Amino acid sequence: MDTANVLDIENDIAEVPVSPDDDNKPLSNADIRHCATRRIASRSGDSISLMIYQFSIIALILLCEATLYLLLRSVGYTWLYSIKELISFRGTTWLFWISKTMFEFTLVSPFFSLVRRLYLDIAMGSDLSETRKYVAAHSVKYYSSSFYAAFIQLALKLIAISPALITAYSARYWIQVIRLSELTSGALLSLMASLSMTAVWLFLAIRYYISLALAPYIMALNPRSNVYDACDLSIRLMDGKHGRYMSFMAHFIKFIPAMLLVYPYLAIYPYFKVSYSLFVRELLGDRNQDKLPGMIKRWKKYM
């Protein structure tokens, strides 16, 4: 199946749910936040259930992490958790952390992909139960494709940040050279060059991350879409919109101190997720075509 134009209007296979707020006019960031507030108020039960679902996943990961740590401590292998061992590039430690991280990533990424889709349903005023039934009936295919898509995006982001990490390590090396020996103009020039290149590559990596912001939601709207096509489409749609994206995200920075108190987190996080979902739909523009309702309709017809 050709997925290059998977979100084109002419290939649409289902009616897109239209909410009372959707009147084809562009929404400002303030309008999006006001709309999200109304969505949360009308779907508070669904928001709470999603929060409980997410907390249960996080609690499971923390429980596994604590069990593994206690097991390793009982046999004297706590050095595997040593930051000093990681910095010294000890092979066993790096193998342990990579294996552990990949296991946790494999476990978490499909579930958070489902949560992303359910928050989209809240933002669009759709029925969450239909999505849950469909995912439950196609759990193996859905979770495997979600993991693959998340893994590819993670790999792309790691590749993008690699030059910044290399130049940062180079800067660390020259700092040690200057500290252990006398300061020379060559060492100082090399340090300044490393720091400058680190800043440049870090800026480019962050810009690339923002460019990929739409990709998970493109695949949430159409689970059959190809991850590479989704990333390519996201980069094209985000061209020239990085400033608005950063402005939207900056608004929520002020809530971080309140979230540290834990209880406000229960209200702020759903508000952010629904706002973000509406914001992504706005950025998608005429590519905002939800294919999942049509897939659910056909599944129910032939089940």
Protein backbone atom coordinates (compact mmCIF):
# COMPACT_ATOMS: atom_id res chain seq x y z
CA MET A 1 0.00 0.00 0.00
CA ASP A 2 1.33 3.41 -0.99
CA THR A 3 1.29 5.66 2.07
CA ALA A 4 3.09 8.70 0.70
CA ASN A 5 -0.18 10.64 0.48
CA VAL A 6 -1.87 8.82 3.31
CA LEU A 7 -3.45 11.95 4.78
CA ASP A 8 -4.61 13.52 1.50
CA ILE A 9 -8.21 14.62 1.45
CA GLU A 10 -9.04 12.67 -1.68
CA ASN A 11 -8.00 9.43 0.01
CA ASP A 12 -10.20 10.00 3.03
CA ILE A 13 -12.20 6.97 4.07
CA ALA A 14 -14.33 8.36 6.86
CA GLU A 15 -16.15 11.42 7.93
CA VAL A 16 -14.06 13.54 10.25
CA PRO A 17 -15.88 14.28 13.52
CA VAL A 18 -16.75 17.95 13.53
CA SER A 19 -16.96 19.67 16.87
CA PRO A 20 -18.95 22.80 17.63
CA ASP A 21 -15.71 24.76 17.71
CA ASP A 22 -14.59 23.66 14.23
CA ASP A 23 -15.73 26.40 11.85
CA ASN A 24 -12.77 26.36 9.44
CA LYS A 25 -11.25 29.53 10.82
CA PRO A 26 -7.69 29.47 12.19
CA LEU A 27 -7.44 29.23 15.96
CA SER A 28 -4.97 31.21 18.01
CA ASN A 29 -3.07 29.59 20.87
CA ALA A 30 -5.44 31.27 23.34
CA ASP A 31 -8.48 29.90 21.46
CA ILE A 32 -6.96 26.43 21.56
CA ARG A 33 -6.45 26.62 25.32
CA HIS A 34 -10.01 27.84 25.89
CA CYS A 35 -11.35 25.02 23.74
CA ALA A 36 -9.25 22.51 25.70
CA THR A 37 -10.71 23.81 28.96
CA ARG A 38 -14.23 23.16 27.68
CA ARG A 39 -13.26 19.68 26.47
CA ILE A 40 -11.76 18.76 29.85
CA ALA A 41 -14.81 20.09 31.68
CA SER A 42 -17.16 17.96 29.57
CA ARG A 43 -14.94 14.84 29.61
CA SER A 44 -13.49 14.97 33.12
CA GLY A 45 -14.22 11.28 33.76
CA ASP A 46 -12.29 10.20 30.67
CA SER A 47 -9.38 12.47 31.62
CA ILE A 48 -9.19 10.97 35.11
CA SER A 49 -9.28 7.41 33.74
CA LEU A 50 -6.41 8.20 31.37
CA MET A 51 -4.38 9.69 34.22
CA ILE A 52 -4.91 6.54 36.30
CA TYR A 53 -3.91 4.42 33.30
CA GLN A 54 -0.69 6.39 32.82
CA PHE A 55 0.18 6.30 36.52
CA SER A 56 -0.29 2.52 36.54
CA ILE A 57 2.21 2.16 33.67
CA ILE A 58 4.73 4.43 35.40
CA ALA A 59 4.21 2.58 38.69
CA LEU A 60 4.88 -0.74 36.94
CA ILE A 61 8.15 0.57 35.48
CA LEU A 62 9.25 1.93 38.86
CA LEU A 63 8.38 -1.36 40.53
CA CYS A 64 10.44 -3.30 37.98
CA GLU A 65 13.32 -0.83 38.41
CA ALA A 66 13.26 -1.14 42.22
CA THR A 67 13.09 -4.94 42.05
CA LEU A 68 16.05 -5.08 39.67
CA TYR A 69 18.10 -2.72 41.86
CA LEU A 70 17.40 -4.73 45.03
CA LEU A 71 18.29 -7.95 43.20
CA LEU A 72 21.60 -6.53 41.97
CA ARG A 73 22.37 -5.09 45.40
CA SER A 74 21.92 -8.53 46.98
CA VAL A 75 24.67 -9.92 44.74
CA GLY A 76 26.93 -6.86 44.94
CA TYR A 77 26.40 -5.46 41.44
CA THR A 78 25.20 -1.97 42.37
CA TRP A 79 28.17 -0.53 40.43
CA LEU A 80 26.05 -1.07 37.31
CA TYR A 81 24.04 1.99 38.44
CA SER A 82 27.17 4.11 38.93
CA ILE A 83 27.30 7.29 36.87
CA LYS A 84 31.10 7.19 37.15
CA GLU A 85 31.12 3.80 35.42
CA LEU A 86 29.00 5.20 32.59
CA ILE A 87 31.27 8.21 32.10
CA SER A 88 34.32 5.94 32.00
CA PHE A 89 32.63 4.00 29.16
CA ARG A 90 32.81 0.62 30.84
CA GLY A 91 31.31 -1.86 28.36
CA THR A 92 29.36 -3.95 30.87
CA THR A 93 27.67 -0.90 32.36
CA TRP A 94 26.70 0.50 28.98
CA LEU A 95 25.33 -2.90 27.88
CA PHE A 96 23.27 -3.09 31.07
CA TRP A 97 21.80 0.40 30.61
CA ILE A 98 21.07 -0.06 26.91
CA SER A 99 19.35 -3.40 27.55
CA LYS A 100 17.35 -2.05 30.47
CA THR A 101 16.32 1.10 28.60
CA MET A 102 15.24 -0.84 25.52
CA PHE A 103 13.14 -3.20 27.65
CA GLU A 104 11.40 -0.30 29.37
CA PHE A 105 10.98 1.53 26.06
CA THR A 106 9.43 -1.59 24.49
CA LEU A 107 7.02 -1.85 27.40
CA VAL A 108 6.04 1.80 27.61
CA SER A 109 5.97 3.18 24.05
CA PRO A 110 2.88 1.27 22.78
CA PHE A 111 0.84 2.21 25.83
CA PHE A 112 1.73 5.88 25.58
CA SER A 113 0.87 5.74 21.89
CA LEU A 114 -2.61 4.56 22.89
CA VAL A 115 -2.88 7.34 25.49
CA ARG A 116 -1.95 9.87 22.79
CA ARG A 117 -4.78 8.58 20.60
CA LEU A 118 -7.29 8.67 23.47
CA TYR A 119 -6.41 12.28 24.29
CA LEU A 120 -6.97 13.03 20.61
CA ASP A 121 -10.43 11.49 20.96
CA ILE A 122 -11.16 13.79 23.88
CA ALA A 123 -9.95 16.77 21.88
CA MET A 124 -12.13 15.80 18.90
CA GLY A 125 -15.16 14.88 21.02
CA SER A 126 -15.02 11.22 19.91
CA ASP A 127 -16.04 8.13 21.85
CA LEU A 128 -13.09 6.58 23.68
CA SER A 129 -14.79 3.21 24.07
CA GLU A 130 -14.80 2.61 20.30
CA THR A 131 -11.06 3.21 20.09
CA ARG A 132 -10.39 0.95 23.07
CA LYS A 133 -12.45 -1.89 21.58
CA TYR A 134 -10.69 -1.61 18.24
CA VAL A 135 -7.23 -1.57 19.81
CA ALA A 136 -8.11 -4.51 22.06
CA ALA A 137 -9.26 -6.51 19.01
CA HIS A 138 -6.04 -5.67 17.10
CA SER A 139 -3.70 -5.48 20.09
CA VAL A 140 -0.71 -7.38 18.63
CA LYS A 141 -0.66 -5.44 15.36
CA TYR A 142 -1.37 -2.10 17.04
CA TYR A 143 1.28 -2.45 19.76
CA SER A 144 3.94 -3.83 17.41
CA SER A 145 3.43 -1.02 14.88
CA SER A 146 3.38 1.55 17.70
CA PHE A 147 6.66 0.25 19.07
CA TYR A 148 8.26 0.21 15.61
CA ALA A 149 7.16 3.79 14.91
CA ALA A 150 8.39 5.00 18.30
CA PHE A 151 11.71 3.18 17.85
CA ILE A 152 12.32 4.73 14.41
CA GLN A 153 11.60 8.21 15.77
CA LEU A 154 13.92 7.59 18.71
CA ALA A 155 16.66 6.43 16.34
CA LEU A 156 16.25 9.56 14.18
CA LYS A 157 16.46 11.78 17.25
CA LEU A 158 19.56 9.99 18.54
CA ILE A 159 21.22 10.43 15.15
CA ALA A 160 20.34 14.13 15.21
CA ILE A 161 21.81 14.68 18.68
CA SER A 162 24.96 12.56 18.06
CA PRO A 163 27.12 15.41 16.63
CA ALA A 164 26.29 17.57 19.68
CA LEU A 165 27.28 14.74 22.03
CA ILE A 166 30.54 14.17 20.16
CA THR A 167 31.51 17.85 20.27
CA ALA A 168 30.46 18.03 23.94
CA TYR A 169 32.77 15.12 24.72
CA SER A 170 35.52 16.93 22.80
CA ALA A 171 34.93 20.03 24.93
CA ARG A 172 35.16 17.90 28.08
CA TYR A 173 38.45 16.45 26.85
CA TRP A 174 39.99 19.90 26.29
CA ILE A 175 38.79 21.09 29.69
CA GLN A 176 40.70 18.19 31.26
CA VAL A 177 43.77 19.01 29.15
CA ILE A 178 43.70 22.64 30.29
CA ARG A 179 43.15 21.64 33.91
CA LEU A 180 45.94 19.05 34.01
CA SER A 181 48.52 21.01 32.05
CA GLU A 182 49.33 24.61 31.35
CA LEU A 183 46.93 26.73 29.35
CA THR A 184 47.98 27.07 25.73
CA SER A 185 46.44 29.08 22.93
CA GLY A 186 45.88 25.88 20.91
CA ALA A 187 43.99 24.15 23.73
CA LEU A 188 41.89 27.24 24.42
CA LEU A 189 41.05 27.61 20.72
CA SER A 190 40.09 23.94 20.50
CA LEU A 191 37.88 24.27 23.59
CA MET A 192 36.09 27.33 22.22
CA ALA A 193 35.59 25.61 18.85
CA SER A 194 34.14 22.52 20.58
CA LEU A 195 31.76 24.60 22.69
CA SER A 196 30.63 26.59 19.66
CA MET A 197 29.99 23.48 17.59
CA THR A 198 28.13 21.88 20.49
CA ALA A 199 25.80 24.89 20.65
CA VAL A 200 25.23 24.83 16.88
CA TRP A 201 24.52 21.10 16.71
CA LEU A 202 22.28 21.29 19.80
CA PHE A 203 20.26 24.08 18.18
CA LEU A 204 19.88 22.05 14.98
CA ALA A 205 18.87 18.94 16.94
CA ILE A 206 16.20 20.82 18.89
CA ARG A 207 14.89 22.32 15.66
CA TYR A 208 14.73 18.84 14.14
CA TYR A 209 12.89 17.51 17.20
CA ILE A 210 10.27 20.25 16.81
CA SER A 211 9.98 19.42 13.11
CA LEU A 212 9.08 15.82 14.05
CA ALA A 213 6.44 16.88 16.57
CA LEU A 214 3.51 16.11 14.28
CA ALA A 215 4.66 12.63 13.26
CA PRO A 216 3.21 10.70 16.26
CA TYR A 217 -0.15 12.40 15.78
CA ILE A 218 -0.19 11.76 12.03
CA MET A 219 0.18 8.06 12.81
CA ALA A 220 -2.38 8.29 15.62
CA LEU A 221 -4.91 9.72 13.14
CA ASN A 222 -4.06 6.99 10.63
CA PRO A 223 -2.54 3.83 12.19
CA ARG A 224 -1.80 2.51 8.69
CA SER A 225 0.51 5.37 7.80
CA ASN A 226 4.20 4.72 7.28
CA VAL A 227 6.49 6.17 9.93
CA TYR A 228 8.96 7.56 7.38
CA ASP A 229 6.20 9.24 5.39
CA ALA A 230 4.75 10.62 8.61
CA CYS A 231 8.12 12.09 9.62
CA ASP A 232 8.60 13.59 6.16
CA LEU A 233 5.11 15.12 6.22
CA SER A 234 5.67 16.48 9.73
CA ILE A 235 8.90 18.21 8.66
CA ARG A 236 7.16 19.81 5.67
CA LEU A 237 4.12 20.95 7.66
CA MET A 238 6.26 22.38 10.48
CA ASP A 239 8.34 24.50 8.13
CA GLY A 240 8.11 28.09 9.38
CA LYS A 241 6.04 27.14 12.45
CA HIS A 242 8.81 26.54 14.98
CA GLY A 243 8.26 29.94 16.59
CA ARG A 244 4.57 29.30 17.18
CA TYR A 245 5.35 25.85 18.57
CA MET A 246 7.84 27.26 21.07
CA SER A 247 5.39 30.02 22.02
CA PHE A 248 2.68 27.45 22.68
CA MET A 249 4.96 25.29 24.83
CA ALA A 250 6.34 28.30 26.73
CA HIS A 251 2.87 29.07 28.05
CA PHE A 252 2.88 25.84 30.10
CA ILE A 253 6.29 26.43 31.71
CA LYS A 254 4.62 28.49 34.44
CA PHE A 255 2.72 25.38 35.59
CA ILE A 256 5.87 23.36 36.33
CA PRO A 257 6.28 24.60 39.96
CA ALA A 258 2.64 23.75 40.68
CA MET A 259 3.05 20.27 39.20
CA LEU A 260 5.82 19.55 41.72
CA LEU A 261 3.10 19.52 44.38
CA VAL A 262 1.70 16.37 42.65
CA TYR A 263 -2.01 17.11 43.16
CA PRO A 264 -2.22 19.93 40.57
CA TYR A 265 -0.63 17.48 38.13
CA LEU A 266 -3.96 15.66 37.91
CA ALA A 267 -5.57 18.75 36.41
CA ILE A 268 -2.66 20.37 34.56
CA TYR A 269 -1.45 17.34 32.61
CA PRO A 270 -4.83 16.51 30.97
CA TYR A 271 -5.24 20.21 30.19
CA PHE A 272 -1.85 20.25 28.49
CA LYS A 273 -2.44 17.02 26.54
CA VAL A 274 -5.84 18.10 25.21
CA SER A 275 -4.46 21.56 24.38
CA TYR A 276 -1.52 19.98 22.62
CA SER A 277 -3.79 17.65 20.65
CA LEU A 278 -5.92 20.58 19.48
CA PHE A 279 -2.76 22.53 18.66
CA VAL A 280 -1.44 19.67 16.53
CA ARG A 281 -4.75 19.45 14.67
CA GLU A 282 -4.48 23.16 13.94
CA LEU A 283 -0.95 22.74 12.58
CA LEU A 284 -2.01 19.82 10.40
CA GLY A 285 -4.49 22.07 8.62
CA ASP A 286 -6.20 20.32 5.69
CA ARG A 287 -4.14 17.17 6.42
CA ASN A 288 -6.10 16.71 9.66
CA GLN A 289 -7.98 13.63 8.45
CA ASP A 290 -8.94 11.04 11.06
CA LYS A 291 -8.98 7.62 9.40
CA LEU A 292 -9.56 5.52 12.54
CA PRO A 293 -13.39 5.95 12.68
CA GLY A 294 -13.65 4.49 9.16
CA MET A 295 -11.39 1.58 10.14
CA ILE A 296 -13.56 0.94 13.21
CA LYS A 297 -16.73 1.09 11.09
CA ARG A 298 -15.42 -1.51 8.64
CA TRP A 299 -14.19 -3.73 11.49
CA LYS A 300 -17.60 -3.66 13.17
CA LYS A 301 -19.28 -4.42 9.84
CA TYR A 302 -17.25 -7.59 9.23
CA MET A 303 -16.65 -8.78 12.77
